[in-house]
Protein backbone atom coordinates (compact mmCIF):
# COMPACT_ATOMS: atom_id res chain seq x y z
CA UNK A 1 -46.75 3.20 -21.42
CA UNK A 2 -43.32 1.63 -20.96
CA UNK A 3 -40.58 3.54 -19.21
CA UNK A 4 -37.68 4.59 -21.45
CA UNK A 5 -34.56 2.49 -20.84
CA UNK A 6 -32.52 5.40 -19.62
CA UNK A 7 -35.05 6.20 -16.91
CA UNK A 8 -35.47 2.73 -15.46
CA UNK A 9 -34.03 2.16 -11.91
CA UNK A 10 -31.98 -0.72 -13.21
CA UNK A 11 -30.38 1.44 -15.91
CA UNK A 12 -29.60 4.20 -13.40
CA UNK A 13 -28.08 1.74 -11.01
CA UNK A 14 -26.28 -0.66 -13.42
CA UNK A 15 -24.97 1.52 -16.19
CA UNK A 16 -24.73 5.17 -15.21
CA UNK A 17 -22.19 4.65 -12.32
CA UNK A 18 -20.15 2.33 -14.48
CA UNK A 19 -20.20 4.80 -17.36
CA UNK A 20 -19.04 7.58 -15.02
CA UNK A 21 -16.15 5.44 -13.85
CA UNK A 22 -15.22 4.55 -17.41
CA UNK A 23 -15.16 8.24 -18.44
CA UNK A 24 -13.10 9.21 -15.40
CA UNK A 25 -10.63 6.40 -16.09
CA UNK A 26 -10.23 7.41 -19.74
CA UNK A 27 -9.64 11.05 -18.74
CA UNK A 28 -6.99 10.09 -16.16
CA UNK A 29 -5.30 7.76 -18.60
CA UNK A 30 -5.09 10.50 -21.23
CA UNK A 31 -3.92 13.19 -18.81
CA UNK A 32 -1.53 10.80 -17.06
CA UNK A 33 -0.73 13.07 -14.06
CA UNK A 34 2.29 12.54 -11.78
CA UNK A 35 0.22 11.19 -8.90
CA UNK A 36 2.21 10.64 -5.73
CA UNK A 37 1.18 7.09 -4.87
CA UNK A 38 1.38 6.09 -8.54
CA UNK A 39 5.12 6.73 -8.48
CA UNK A 40 5.64 3.89 -6.00
CA UNK A 41 3.81 1.50 -8.31
CA UNK A 42 5.81 2.76 -11.34
CA UNK A 43 9.04 2.22 -9.49
CA UNK A 44 8.15 -1.32 -8.59
CA UNK A 45 6.93 -1.90 -12.16
CA UNK A 46 10.35 -0.86 -13.44
CA UNK A 47 12.01 -3.13 -10.89
CA UNK A 48 9.87 -6.10 -11.97
CA UNK A 49 10.76 -5.38 -15.61
CA UNK A 50 14.43 -5.50 -14.55
CA UNK A 51 14.06 -9.01 -13.13
CA UNK A 52 13.30 -8.15 -9.52
CA UNK A 53 11.02 -10.72 -7.98
CA UNK A 54 9.18 -10.76 -4.66
CA UNK A 55 12.20 -11.34 -2.45
CA UNK A 56 14.77 -8.51 -2.83
CA UNK A 57 15.26 -5.26 -4.63
CA UNK A 58 18.55 -3.35 -4.21
CA UNK A 59 17.17 0.01 -5.44
CA UNK A 60 15.45 1.47 -2.30
CA UNK A 61 16.31 1.75 1.35
CA UNK A 62 19.45 -0.34 1.07
CA UNK A 63 17.34 -3.29 -0.07
CA UNK A 64 13.68 -4.14 0.42
CA UNK A 65 11.28 -6.96 -0.39
CA UNK A 66 8.81 -5.90 -3.11
CA UNK A 67 6.47 -8.61 -1.90
CA UNK A 68 5.81 -6.68 1.27
CA UNK A 69 4.05 -4.09 -0.92
CA UNK A 70 2.17 -6.60 -3.08
CA UNK A 71 2.59 -10.19 -4.20
CA UNK A 72 0.99 -9.78 -7.59
CA UNK A 73 0.62 -6.09 -8.58
CA UNK A 74 4.23 -5.46 -9.82
CA UNK A 75 3.98 -8.48 -12.10
CA UNK A 76 0.56 -7.41 -13.34
CA UNK A 77 1.87 -3.92 -13.97
CA UNK A 78 4.51 -5.29 -16.34
CA UNK A 79 1.72 -6.63 -18.54
CA UNK A 80 -0.27 -3.45 -19.16
CA UNK A 81 1.44 -0.69 -17.11
CA UNK A 82 0.63 0.68 -13.66
CA UNK A 83 -1.69 3.50 -14.82
CA UNK A 84 -3.74 1.29 -17.16
CA UNK A 85 -3.96 -1.29 -14.41
CA UNK A 86 -5.22 1.34 -11.99
CA UNK A 87 -7.86 2.47 -14.49
CA UNK A 88 -8.95 -1.08 -15.30
CA UNK A 89 -9.25 -1.90 -11.64
CA UNK A 90 -11.42 1.25 -11.09
CA UNK A 91 -13.79 0.15 -13.84
CA UNK A 92 -13.94 -3.40 -12.39
CA UNK A 93 -14.87 -1.97 -8.98
CA UNK A 94 -17.62 0.11 -10.52
CA UNK A 95 -18.86 -2.94 -12.47
CA UNK A 96 -19.34 -4.85 -9.21
CA UNK A 97 -21.60 -2.10 -7.81
CA UNK A 98 -24.76 -3.43 -9.49
CA UNK A 99 -24.74 -6.98 -8.08
CA UNK A 100 -23.55 -5.85 -4.70
CA UNK A 101 -26.29 -3.24 -4.35
CA UNK A 102 -29.22 -5.52 -5.26
CA UNK A 103 -30.38 -6.10 -1.67
CA UNK A 104 -29.38 -2.73 -0.28
CA UNK A 105 -31.69 -0.31 1.46
CA UNK A 106 -30.58 2.34 -1.03
CA UNK A 107 -29.45 0.37 -4.06
CA UNK A 108 -28.97 3.31 -6.50
CA UNK A 109 -27.12 5.41 -3.97
CA UNK A 110 -24.93 2.47 -3.02
CA UNK A 111 -24.04 1.77 -6.66
CA UNK A 112 -23.01 5.42 -7.10
CA UNK A 113 -21.09 5.33 -3.84
CA UNK A 114 -19.06 2.27 -4.88
CA UNK A 115 -18.22 3.86 -8.24
CA UNK A 116 -17.36 7.18 -6.61
CA UNK A 117 -14.98 5.65 -4.07
CA UNK A 118 -13.25 3.78 -6.86
CA UNK A 119 -12.75 6.98 -8.82
CA UNK A 120 -11.55 8.90 -5.76
CA UNK A 121 -9.00 6.18 -4.98
CA UNK A 122 -7.89 6.24 -8.59
CA UNK A 123 -7.37 10.01 -8.40
CA UNK A 124 -4.84 9.39 -5.58
CA UNK A 125 -3.02 6.81 -7.68
CA UNK A 126 -3.32 3.84 -5.30
CA UNK A 127 -2.69 0.97 -7.70
CA UNK A 128 -2.24 -1.98 -5.32
CA UNK A 129 -5.26 -1.01 -3.28
CA UNK A 130 -7.44 -0.59 -6.38
CA UNK A 131 -6.44 -4.05 -7.68
CA UNK A 132 -7.06 -5.60 -4.27
CA UNK A 133 -10.49 -3.99 -3.94
CA UNK A 134 -11.54 -5.06 -7.43
CA UNK A 135 -10.55 -8.65 -6.70
CA UNK A 136 -12.06 -8.61 -3.19
CA UNK A 137 -15.40 -7.20 -4.42
CA UNK A 138 -15.43 -10.01 -6.95
CA UNK A 139 -15.13 -12.43 -4.00
CA UNK A 140 -18.02 -10.68 -2.29
CA UNK A 141 -20.17 -11.09 -5.39
CA UNK A 142 -19.41 -14.81 -5.46
CA UNK A 143 -20.27 -15.21 -1.78
CA UNK A 144 -23.48 -13.27 -2.40
CA UNK A 145 -24.26 -15.85 -5.11
CA UNK A 146 -23.60 -18.60 -2.52
CA UNK A 147 -20.40 -19.73 -4.20
CA UNK A 148 -18.68 -19.66 -0.85
CA UNK A 149 -15.44 -21.56 -1.44
CA UNK A 150 -14.69 -19.71 -4.64
CA UNK A 151 -15.52 -16.37 -3.00
CA UNK A 152 -13.30 -17.01 0.00
CA UNK A 153 -10.45 -18.06 -2.31
CA UNK A 154 -10.85 -14.82 -4.26
CA UNK A 155 -10.62 -12.86 -1.00
CA UNK A 156 -7.27 -14.54 -0.42
CA UNK A 157 -6.09 -13.46 -3.89
CA UNK A 158 -7.24 -9.92 -3.03
CA UNK A 159 -4.95 -10.04 -0.01
CA UNK A 160 -2.05 -10.97 -2.31
CA UNK A 161 -2.62 -7.64 -4.10
CA UNK A 162 -2.99 -5.63 -0.85
CA UNK A 163 -3.81 -6.99 2.60
CA UNK A 164 -5.81 -3.85 3.40
CA UNK A 165 -8.80 -4.89 1.27
CA UNK A 166 -9.52 -8.25 3.04
CA UNK A 167 -8.61 -6.66 6.36
CA UNK A 168 -11.41 -4.12 5.81
CA UNK A 169 -13.82 -6.96 4.99
CA UNK A 170 -12.84 -8.73 8.19
CA UNK A 171 -13.30 -5.57 10.23
CA UNK A 172 -16.80 -5.09 8.83
CA UNK A 173 -17.94 -8.69 9.26
CA UNK A 174 -16.67 -9.33 12.80
CA UNK A 175 -19.77 -7.87 14.54
CA UNK A 176 -22.03 -10.08 12.40
CA UNK A 177 -20.02 -13.18 13.29
CA UNK A 178 -20.15 -12.31 16.99
CA UNK A 179 -23.91 -11.71 16.79
CA UNK A 180 -24.36 -14.96 14.91
CA UNK A 181 -22.46 -16.85 17.64
CA UNK A 182 -24.40 -15.11 20.37
CA UNK A 183 -27.70 -15.95 18.73
CA UNK A 184 -26.74 -19.58 18.13
CA UNK A 185 -26.05 -19.02 14.44
CA UNK A 186 -29.56 -17.72 13.69
CA UNK A 187 -28.51 -14.37 12.21
CA UNK A 188 -29.50 -14.13 8.54
CA UNK A 189 -26.73 -12.49 6.49
CA UNK A 190 -28.79 -11.10 3.65
CA UNK A 191 -30.35 -7.75 4.44
CA UNK A 192 -34.01 -7.65 3.62
CA UNK A 193 -36.94 -5.34 4.21
CA UNK A 194 -39.43 -8.17 3.72
CA UNK A 195 -41.76 -9.36 6.44
CA UNK A 196 -40.48 -12.19 8.64
CA UNK A 197 -41.12 -15.68 7.42
CA UNK A 198 -43.51 -18.02 9.10
CA UNK A 199 -40.66 -20.35 10.14
CA UNK A 200 -39.86 -20.08 13.84
CA UNK A 201 -36.39 -18.64 14.58
CA UNK A 202 -35.04 -21.94 15.99
CA UNK A 203 -35.26 -23.68 12.61
CA UNK A 204 -33.07 -21.14 10.87
CA UNK A 205 -29.70 -22.45 9.82
CA UNK A 206 -26.40 -20.61 10.41
CA UNK A 207 -25.43 -18.72 7.27
CA UNK A 208 -22.01 -20.04 6.17
CA UNK A 209 -21.51 -16.85 4.11
CA UNK A 210 -20.36 -15.10 7.27
CA UNK A 211 -17.65 -17.69 7.83
CA UNK A 212 -16.65 -17.60 4.17
CA UNK A 213 -16.15 -13.85 4.49
CA UNK A 214 -14.24 -14.04 7.74
CA UNK A 215 -12.04 -17.01 6.83
CA UNK A 216 -11.27 -15.67 3.35
CA UNK A 217 -10.38 -12.24 4.82
CA UNK A 218 -8.27 -13.73 7.58
CA UNK A 219 -6.22 -15.83 5.16
CA UNK A 220 -5.91 -12.92 2.79
CA UNK A 221 -4.29 -10.92 5.56
CA UNK A 222 -2.24 -13.84 6.90
CA UNK A 223 -0.58 -14.86 3.60
CA UNK A 224 1.44 -11.63 3.00
CA UNK A 225 2.18 -11.33 6.69
CA UNK A 226 3.54 -14.90 6.80
CA UNK A 227 5.67 -14.34 3.73
CA UNK A 228 7.10 -10.92 4.56
CA UNK A 229 6.31 -10.09 8.16
CA UNK A 230 4.93 -6.90 9.60
CA UNK A 231 6.06 -3.69 7.85
CA UNK A 232 7.48 -0.70 9.70
CA UNK A 233 5.13 1.82 11.18
CA UNK A 234 2.91 4.14 9.14
CA UNK A 235 2.30 7.59 10.58
CA UNK A 236 -1.23 8.37 11.82
CA UNK A 237 -1.65 12.16 12.12
CA UNK A 238 -4.10 13.55 14.63
CA UNK A 239 -5.95 15.34 11.78
CA UNK A 240 -6.61 11.99 10.12
CA UNK A 241 -7.90 10.58 13.41
CA UNK A 242 -10.18 13.62 13.76
CA UNK A 243 -11.80 12.86 10.37
CA UNK A 244 -12.07 9.16 11.19
CA UNK A 245 -13.94 10.00 14.36
CA UNK A 246 -16.22 12.46 12.60
CA UNK A 247 -17.01 9.93 9.86
CA UNK A 248 -17.48 7.10 12.34
CA UNK A 249 -19.87 9.06 14.48
CA UNK A 250 -21.96 10.06 11.41
CA UNK A 251 -22.10 6.40 10.26
CA UNK A 252 -23.16 5.27 13.76
CA UNK A 253 -25.95 7.80 13.87
CA UNK A 254 -27.14 6.76 10.41
CA UNK A 255 -27.19 3.09 11.40
CA UNK A 256 -28.96 3.45 14.74
CA UNK A 257 -32.38 1.69 14.79
CA UNK A 258 -35.47 3.83 14.92
CA UNK A 259 -39.20 3.16 15.30
CA UNK A 260 -40.78 1.93 12.14
CA UNK A 261 -37.84 -0.08 10.86
CA UNK A 262 -38.54 -3.10 8.71
CA UNK A 263 -39.39 -6.52 10.11
CA UNK A 264 -37.29 -8.49 12.62
CA UNK A 265 -34.77 -9.63 10.00
CA UNK A 266 -34.08 -6.13 8.83
CA UNK A 267 -33.83 -4.84 12.41
CA UNK A 268 -31.54 -7.69 13.38
CA UNK A 269 -29.09 -6.91 10.59
CA UNK A 270 -29.15 -3.18 11.23
CA UNK A 271 -28.82 -3.63 14.99
CA UNK A 272 -25.67 -5.60 14.26
CA UNK A 273 -24.32 -3.22 11.62
CA UNK A 274 -24.55 -0.38 14.11
CA UNK A 275 -21.60 -1.94 15.93
CA UNK A 276 -19.26 -1.64 12.95
CA UNK A 277 -18.51 2.13 13.41
CA UNK A 278 -17.70 1.80 17.15
CA UNK A 279 -15.46 -1.15 16.43
CA UNK A 280 -13.71 0.74 13.66
CA UNK A 281 -13.25 3.76 15.94
CA UNK A 282 -11.73 1.54 18.64
CA UNK A 283 -9.30 0.15 16.07
CA UNK A 284 -8.49 3.64 14.86
CA UNK A 285 -7.67 4.82 18.39
CA UNK A 286 -5.51 1.74 18.94
CA UNK A 287 -3.54 2.30 15.72
CA UNK A 288 -3.19 6.00 16.62
CA UNK A 289 -1.64 5.09 19.98
CA UNK A 290 0.34 2.04 18.88
CA UNK A 291 2.50 2.42 15.73
CA UNK A 292 1.82 -0.25 13.08
CA UNK A 293 2.18 -0.69 9.38
CA UNK A 294 -1.48 0.22 8.84
CA UNK A 295 -1.53 3.61 10.55
CA UNK A 296 -3.36 6.29 8.58
CA UNK A 297 -4.25 3.78 5.84
CA UNK A 298 -7.18 2.88 8.06
CA UNK A 299 -8.81 6.15 6.99
CA UNK A 300 -9.75 4.41 3.74
CA UNK A 301 -12.10 2.17 5.72
CA UNK A 302 -13.86 5.23 7.04
CA UNK A 303 -13.95 7.06 3.72
CA UNK A 304 -14.82 4.17 1.40
CA UNK A 305 -16.26 1.24 3.37
CA UNK A 306 -18.40 2.78 6.12
CA UNK A 307 -20.48 4.93 3.77
CA UNK A 308 -21.25 1.87 1.62
CA UNK A 309 -22.29 -0.14 4.72
CA UNK A 310 -24.62 2.69 5.77
CA UNK A 311 -26.28 2.80 2.34
CA UNK A 312 -26.62 -0.95 2.36
CA UNK A 313 -28.25 -1.29 5.81
CA UNK A 314 -29.86 2.00 6.76
CA UNK A 315 -33.39 2.71 5.56
CA UNK A 316 -33.27 6.31 6.70
CA UNK A 317 -34.20 9.02 4.09
CA UNK A 318 -31.52 9.97 1.57
CA UNK A 319 -31.36 13.55 2.85
CA UNK A 320 -30.63 12.37 6.37
CA UNK A 321 -27.88 10.01 5.09
CA UNK A 322 -26.40 12.79 2.99
CA UNK A 323 -25.86 14.84 6.13
CA UNK A 324 -24.53 11.93 8.17
CA UNK A 325 -22.09 10.88 5.48
CA UNK A 326 -21.01 14.38 4.47
CA UNK A 327 -17.68 14.16 6.45
CA UNK A 328 -16.70 11.08 4.50
CA UNK A 329 -17.44 12.79 1.18
CA UNK A 330 -15.67 16.00 2.12
CA UNK A 331 -12.56 14.32 3.39
CA UNK A 332 -12.18 11.81 0.57
CA UNK A 333 -12.79 14.47 -2.09
CA UNK A 334 -10.31 16.81 -0.35
CA UNK A 335 -7.55 14.09 -0.35
CA UNK A 336 -8.12 13.20 -4.01
CA UNK A 337 -8.26 16.85 -5.07
CA UNK A 338 -5.07 17.65 -3.16
CA UNK A 339 -3.29 14.80 -4.96
CA UNK A 340 -4.50 16.15 -8.30
CA UNK A 341 -3.38 19.71 -7.48
CA UNK A 342 0.05 18.47 -6.43
CA UNK A 343 0.35 16.52 -9.68
CA UNK A 344 -0.78 19.51 -11.76
CA UNK A 345 2.00 21.64 -10.25
CA UNK A 346 4.66 19.33 -11.70
CA UNK A 347 5.77 19.13 -15.28
CA UNK A 348 6.30 15.84 -17.02
CA UNK A 349 8.61 13.98 -14.58
CA UNK A 350 10.61 12.53 -17.39
CA UNK A 351 11.41 16.06 -18.51
CA UNK A 352 11.79 17.91 -15.23
CA UNK A 353 14.05 15.21 -13.75
CA UNK A 354 16.05 14.67 -16.95
CA UNK A 355 18.84 17.26 -16.22
CA UNK A 356 19.38 15.74 -12.74
CA UNK A 357 19.46 12.20 -14.10
CA UNK A 358 21.92 13.30 -16.80
CA UNK A 359 24.25 14.75 -14.17
CA UNK A 360 24.09 11.62 -12.01
CA UNK A 361 24.74 9.38 -15.00
CA UNK A 362 28.05 11.14 -15.61
CA UNK A 363 29.40 10.41 -12.18
CA UNK A 364 31.83 7.45 -12.04
CA UNK A 365 31.55 4.66 -9.47
CA UNK A 366 27.96 5.37 -8.59
CA UNK A 367 27.24 1.67 -8.64
CA UNK A 368 28.88 1.37 -5.25
CA UNK A 369 27.06 4.36 -3.69
CA UNK A 370 23.59 5.76 -3.18
CA UNK A 371 21.89 9.09 -3.73
CA UNK A 372 19.79 10.87 -1.10
CA UNK A 373 16.94 12.46 -3.00
CA UNK A 374 15.15 15.29 -1.22
CA UNK A 375 12.29 15.00 -3.63
CA UNK A 376 9.45 17.20 -4.89
CA UNK A 377 5.84 16.78 -3.74
CA UNK A 378 4.83 13.93 -6.04
CA UNK A 379 7.71 11.59 -5.20
CA UNK A 380 8.27 11.18 -8.93
CA UNK A 381 12.01 10.97 -8.33
CA UNK A 382 11.58 7.70 -6.52
CA UNK A 383 10.49 6.32 -9.88
CA UNK A 384 12.43 8.40 -12.44
CA UNK A 385 15.79 8.80 -10.67
CA UNK A 386 15.74 5.22 -9.38
CA UNK A 387 16.12 3.99 -12.95
CA UNK A 388 19.67 5.37 -12.95
CA UNK A 389 21.00 5.17 -9.39
CA UNK A 390 20.24 3.43 -6.13
CA UNK A 391 18.35 5.65 -3.69
CA UNK A 392 19.18 5.83 0.02
CA UNK A 393 15.42 6.12 0.66
CA UNK A 394 12.49 5.91 -1.81
CA UNK A 395 8.72 6.03 -1.42
CA UNK A 396 7.58 3.61 1.21
CA UNK A 397 6.68 5.17 4.59
CA UNK A 398 6.89 1.98 6.59
CA UNK A 399 10.48 1.24 5.48
CA UNK A 400 11.50 4.87 5.87
CA UNK A 401 10.26 4.97 9.46
CA UNK A 402 12.00 1.69 10.25
CA UNK A 403 15.41 2.46 8.76
CA UNK A 404 15.65 6.22 8.99
CA UNK A 405 14.28 7.35 12.35
CA UNK A 406 16.26 10.62 12.37
CA UNK A 407 13.68 12.05 9.95
CA UNK A 408 10.78 11.17 12.25
CA UNK A 409 12.00 11.59 15.82
CA UNK A 410 11.74 15.04 17.38
CA UNK A 411 15.04 17.03 17.23
CA UNK A 412 16.88 13.98 15.86
CA UNK A 413 17.93 15.67 12.59
CA UNK A 414 21.06 17.73 13.20
CA UNK A 415 24.25 18.38 11.18
CA UNK A 416 26.12 15.67 13.09
CA UNK A 417 23.36 13.03 12.89
CA UNK A 418 22.89 13.82 9.21
CA UNK A 419 26.61 13.35 8.49
CA UNK A 420 26.57 9.97 10.25
CA UNK A 421 23.42 8.93 8.44
CA UNK A 422 24.94 9.78 5.03
CA UNK A 423 28.04 7.75 5.85
CA UNK A 424 26.03 4.83 7.23
CA UNK A 425 23.89 4.64 4.08
CA UNK A 426 26.82 4.94 1.63
CA UNK A 427 25.47 8.21 0.22
CA UNK A 428 27.84 9.91 -2.24
CA UNK A 429 25.50 12.66 -3.55
CA UNK A 430 22.46 14.56 -2.22
CA UNK A 431 19.98 16.03 -4.67
CA UNK A 432 17.63 18.68 -3.31
CA UNK A 433 14.45 19.85 -5.03
CA UNK A 434 13.80 23.59 -5.30
CA UNK A 435 10.28 22.84 -3.97
CA UNK A 436 10.74 19.92 -1.61
CA UNK A 437 7.83 17.93 -0.26
CA UNK A 438 6.47 18.98 3.11
CA UNK A 439 7.99 16.01 4.99
CA UNK A 440 11.48 16.88 3.59
CA UNK A 441 11.54 20.62 4.19
CA UNK A 442 13.51 20.32 7.45
CA UNK A 443 16.21 18.27 5.68
CA UNK A 444 16.28 20.69 2.77
CA UNK A 445 16.60 23.69 5.14
CA UNK A 446 19.47 21.95 6.97
CA UNK A 447 21.34 21.40 3.75
CA UNK A 448 20.72 24.82 2.33
CA UNK A 449 21.98 26.45 5.52
CA UNK A 450 25.34 25.03 4.64
CA UNK A 451 27.08 21.83 5.76
CA UNK A 452 30.88 21.44 5.68
CA UNK A 453 30.71 17.87 4.38
CA UNK A 454 28.52 18.77 1.34
CA UNK A 455 29.85 20.56 -1.70
CA UNK A 456 27.52 21.94 -4.38
CA UNK A 457 28.53 20.60 -7.78
CA UNK A 458 25.59 21.48 -10.01
CA UNK A 459 22.37 23.47 -9.97
CA UNK A 460 19.41 24.46 -12.17
CA UNK A 461 15.98 25.94 -11.53
CA UNK A 462 14.64 22.64 -10.17
CA UNK A 463 17.53 20.89 -8.48
CA UNK A 464 20.76 21.37 -6.55
CA UNK A 465 23.29 18.55 -6.41
CA UNK A 466 25.80 18.18 -3.58
CA UNK A 467 28.81 15.86 -3.29
CA UNK A 468 29.42 14.16 0.05
CA UNK A 469 32.99 14.42 1.30
CA UNK A 470 34.66 11.02 1.67
CA UNK A 471 31.61 8.79 1.10
CA UNK A 472 31.62 5.20 2.27
CA UNK A 473 30.89 2.43 -0.21
CA UNK A 474 28.14 -0.16 -0.24
CA UNK A 475 30.70 -2.84 -0.78
CA UNK A 476 33.85 -1.80 1.19
CA UNK A 477 37.43 -2.81 0.52
CA UNK A 478 38.91 -5.37 0.43
CA UNK A 479 35.74 -6.65 -1.24
CA UNK A 480 35.23 -5.61 -4.85
CA UNK A 481 31.92 -4.98 -6.51
CA UNK A 482 32.04 -6.88 -9.81
CA UNK A 483 28.51 -6.51 -11.12
CA UNK A 484 25.18 -5.07 -9.96
CA UNK A 485 21.60 -4.67 -11.05
CA UNK A 486 18.27 -4.00 -9.35
CA UNK A 487 17.92 -7.74 -8.68
CA UNK A 488 21.48 -8.98 -7.96
CA UNK A 489 24.93 -8.03 -6.86
CA UNK A 490 28.20 -9.90 -7.49
CA UNK A 491 31.14 -9.29 -5.18
CA UNK A 492 34.64 -10.68 -5.12
CA UNK A 493 36.08 -11.74 -1.78
CA UNK A 494 39.86 -12.09 -1.50
CA UNK A 495 39.78 -14.60 1.37
CA UNK A 496 37.56 -16.69 3.61
CA UNK A 497 36.44 -14.09 6.15
CA UNK A 498 33.54 -12.08 7.48
CA UNK A 499 32.66 -8.88 5.66
CA UNK A 500 30.06 -6.19 6.37
CA UNK A 501 28.14 -4.88 3.34
CA UNK A 502 25.76 -1.94 3.52
CA UNK A 503 22.64 -3.70 2.28
CA UNK A 504 19.67 -4.47 4.52
CA UNK A 505 19.34 -7.99 5.90
CA UNK A 506 16.41 -10.04 4.70
CA UNK A 507 15.00 -13.51 5.38
CA UNK A 508 15.32 -14.28 1.68
CA UNK A 509 18.76 -12.76 0.93
CA UNK A 510 21.35 -15.38 -0.15
CA UNK A 511 24.97 -15.35 -1.25
CA UNK A 512 26.02 -18.14 -3.59
CA UNK A 513 29.28 -18.83 -5.38
CA UNK A 514 28.92 -17.29 -8.85
CA UNK A 515 30.38 -20.43 -10.47
CA UNK A 516 29.11 -23.27 -8.18
CA UNK A 517 25.72 -22.29 -6.78
CA UNK A 518 25.87 -25.18 -4.31
CA UNK A 519 28.51 -23.24 -2.34
CA UNK A 520 26.91 -20.60 -0.17
CA UNK A 521 28.22 -17.88 2.07
CA UNK A 522 26.72 -17.19 5.52
CA UNK A 523 24.40 -14.19 5.51
CA UNK A 524 23.47 -12.61 8.81
CA UNK A 525 22.32 -9.25 10.20
CA UNK A 526 24.78 -6.99 12.00
CA UNK A 527 23.94 -5.12 15.20
CA UNK A 528 23.69 -1.85 13.29
CA UNK A 529 21.13 -3.14 10.77
CA UNK A 530 23.29 -4.13 7.82
CA UNK A 531 24.44 -7.46 6.45
CA UNK A 532 27.49 -9.59 7.21
CA UNK A 533 28.67 -12.17 4.73
CA UNK A 534 31.01 -14.91 5.88
CA UNK A 535 32.62 -16.45 2.84
CA UNK A 536 33.86 -20.09 3.01
CA UNK A 537 36.62 -19.43 0.48
CA UNK A 538 38.00 -16.68 -1.84
CA UNK A 539 35.93 -16.14 -4.94
CA UNK A 540 32.97 -14.35 -6.46
CA UNK A 541 29.56 -14.53 -4.78
CA UNK A 542 26.21 -13.52 -6.11
CA UNK A 543 23.77 -11.82 -3.70
CA UNK A 544 20.09 -12.05 -4.63
CA UNK A 545 16.69 -12.69 -3.14
CA UNK A 546 15.44 -16.26 -3.08
CA UNK A 547 12.03 -17.11 -1.57
CA UNK A 548 12.51 -20.25 0.46
CA UNK A 549 10.48 -22.37 2.84
CA UNK A 550 13.07 -21.77 5.52
CA UNK A 551 12.63 -18.04 5.12
CA UNK A 552 8.89 -18.40 5.31
CA UNK A 553 8.79 -20.74 8.34
CA UNK A 554 11.74 -19.42 10.34
CA UNK A 555 11.99 -15.83 9.14
CA UNK A 556 15.64 -16.14 8.22
CA UNK A 557 17.94 -16.92 5.32
CA UNK A 558 19.49 -20.38 4.87
CA UNK A 559 21.46 -21.54 7.86
CA UNK A 560 25.14 -20.53 7.98
CA UNK A 561 27.64 -23.26 7.31
CA UNK A 562 29.95 -24.31 10.12
CA UNK A 563 33.37 -22.76 10.08
């Protein structure tokens, strides 16, 4: 008697996980919650729709490069929207589960794990990472099919979406490359539980798939780094490190060889895979001790990648693996659920932020000033409010830590330091949420305690708006701000001189004569982290981002003209 289609192993592995991801994606698309990380993607989508390219965006942190977040995701988001792009990427990840799990020790469990991690990532709203993983897994499928050049190239494209995805591939494959070099290239990449072949080990050829994976991953990480440099530091809480250690130890135990493993080829691969968790733990400890732009983002490797590697290589019973991998499941579900709960506590951002946006829109001369937004828990203001005014901060932890250390250093936030920070960042108004996010509660408490340089001008149940006494301007006199948008700024200089403007320096920031673009002003960084423009003559100059080979190779804007 034939087995019904819905009961066959292939059906359970190929279609059920994919169907679950499709259903979850449709539900999220219909509910459209105000997910925290999604707000960053929405803000960059709006910027891209406003003409902002990769080089420079005036809306956040005094000016940032959107390309440091992703080279391709903002542009893709303008085609279908950030949330649909997130859902489509989740489905694409789940669709790759079937071909990737074909040679796994636990193929059905691995297919479900890949789909589940895609859904959990989607529930946190990580658009760039989802796109990068979908592309990167496509590259892995190609390499699995021995289309090595195409697969490596796709890994590079994945890095253009988010460098984290190919970086995770590189971290996982390094032990295999080292083992292959140690064994003279005789390590076979494909995991198998079959008996060893009759060929003697010395006639085996090095598997170039390992090098395709490593080279594609390395270039995928190098390209965004070469274009935009290293980001500021990302925090790495000790609680996150604790969960990484717990997950890493469980994965190491699950991968340890035991008596009765499959033939030499299977043992060889598993004996190599067992080194991935210790390597990942060493990297986690290094990133915990040394601030980098990766920081706590490494936890995604432990939650999403390590469990899949275990299910691919470890032949241990499913019940044993369930216990060993329980910390990864608990932590990843907790993070996704917490993001959903935070989103559920917020009304439609377009509605709840509307009164604040209306008040800000009435204020004259806001084009030459910024707003400090002490936002609610979902960071929705970094998307909604940024449509109307320029924000002193935004939603990018690395840039925030780099430019605004008073909010991160112990005891650095005081009334005096806050006053100086507001003046330095050309802040004219401060908007404080009635339920500020955890990271902003100290700032909100400082403000609500009463500050002599802040005057309350408006309030409702959700927001309180304060005016800053004597705010500085982004473009100070005698310069005049003629025109501005998220992608450009036009200033008028009365004479040939050097002027400081409160926008962040950038390797791609240029200032060209608004009439004759062949005439350029000198753009350099000041000692206090802002931009000096030295104009060769009176006139109007357009400031904008322009990706150039000089910026890529030398890390600086075009060379200043001689006086």
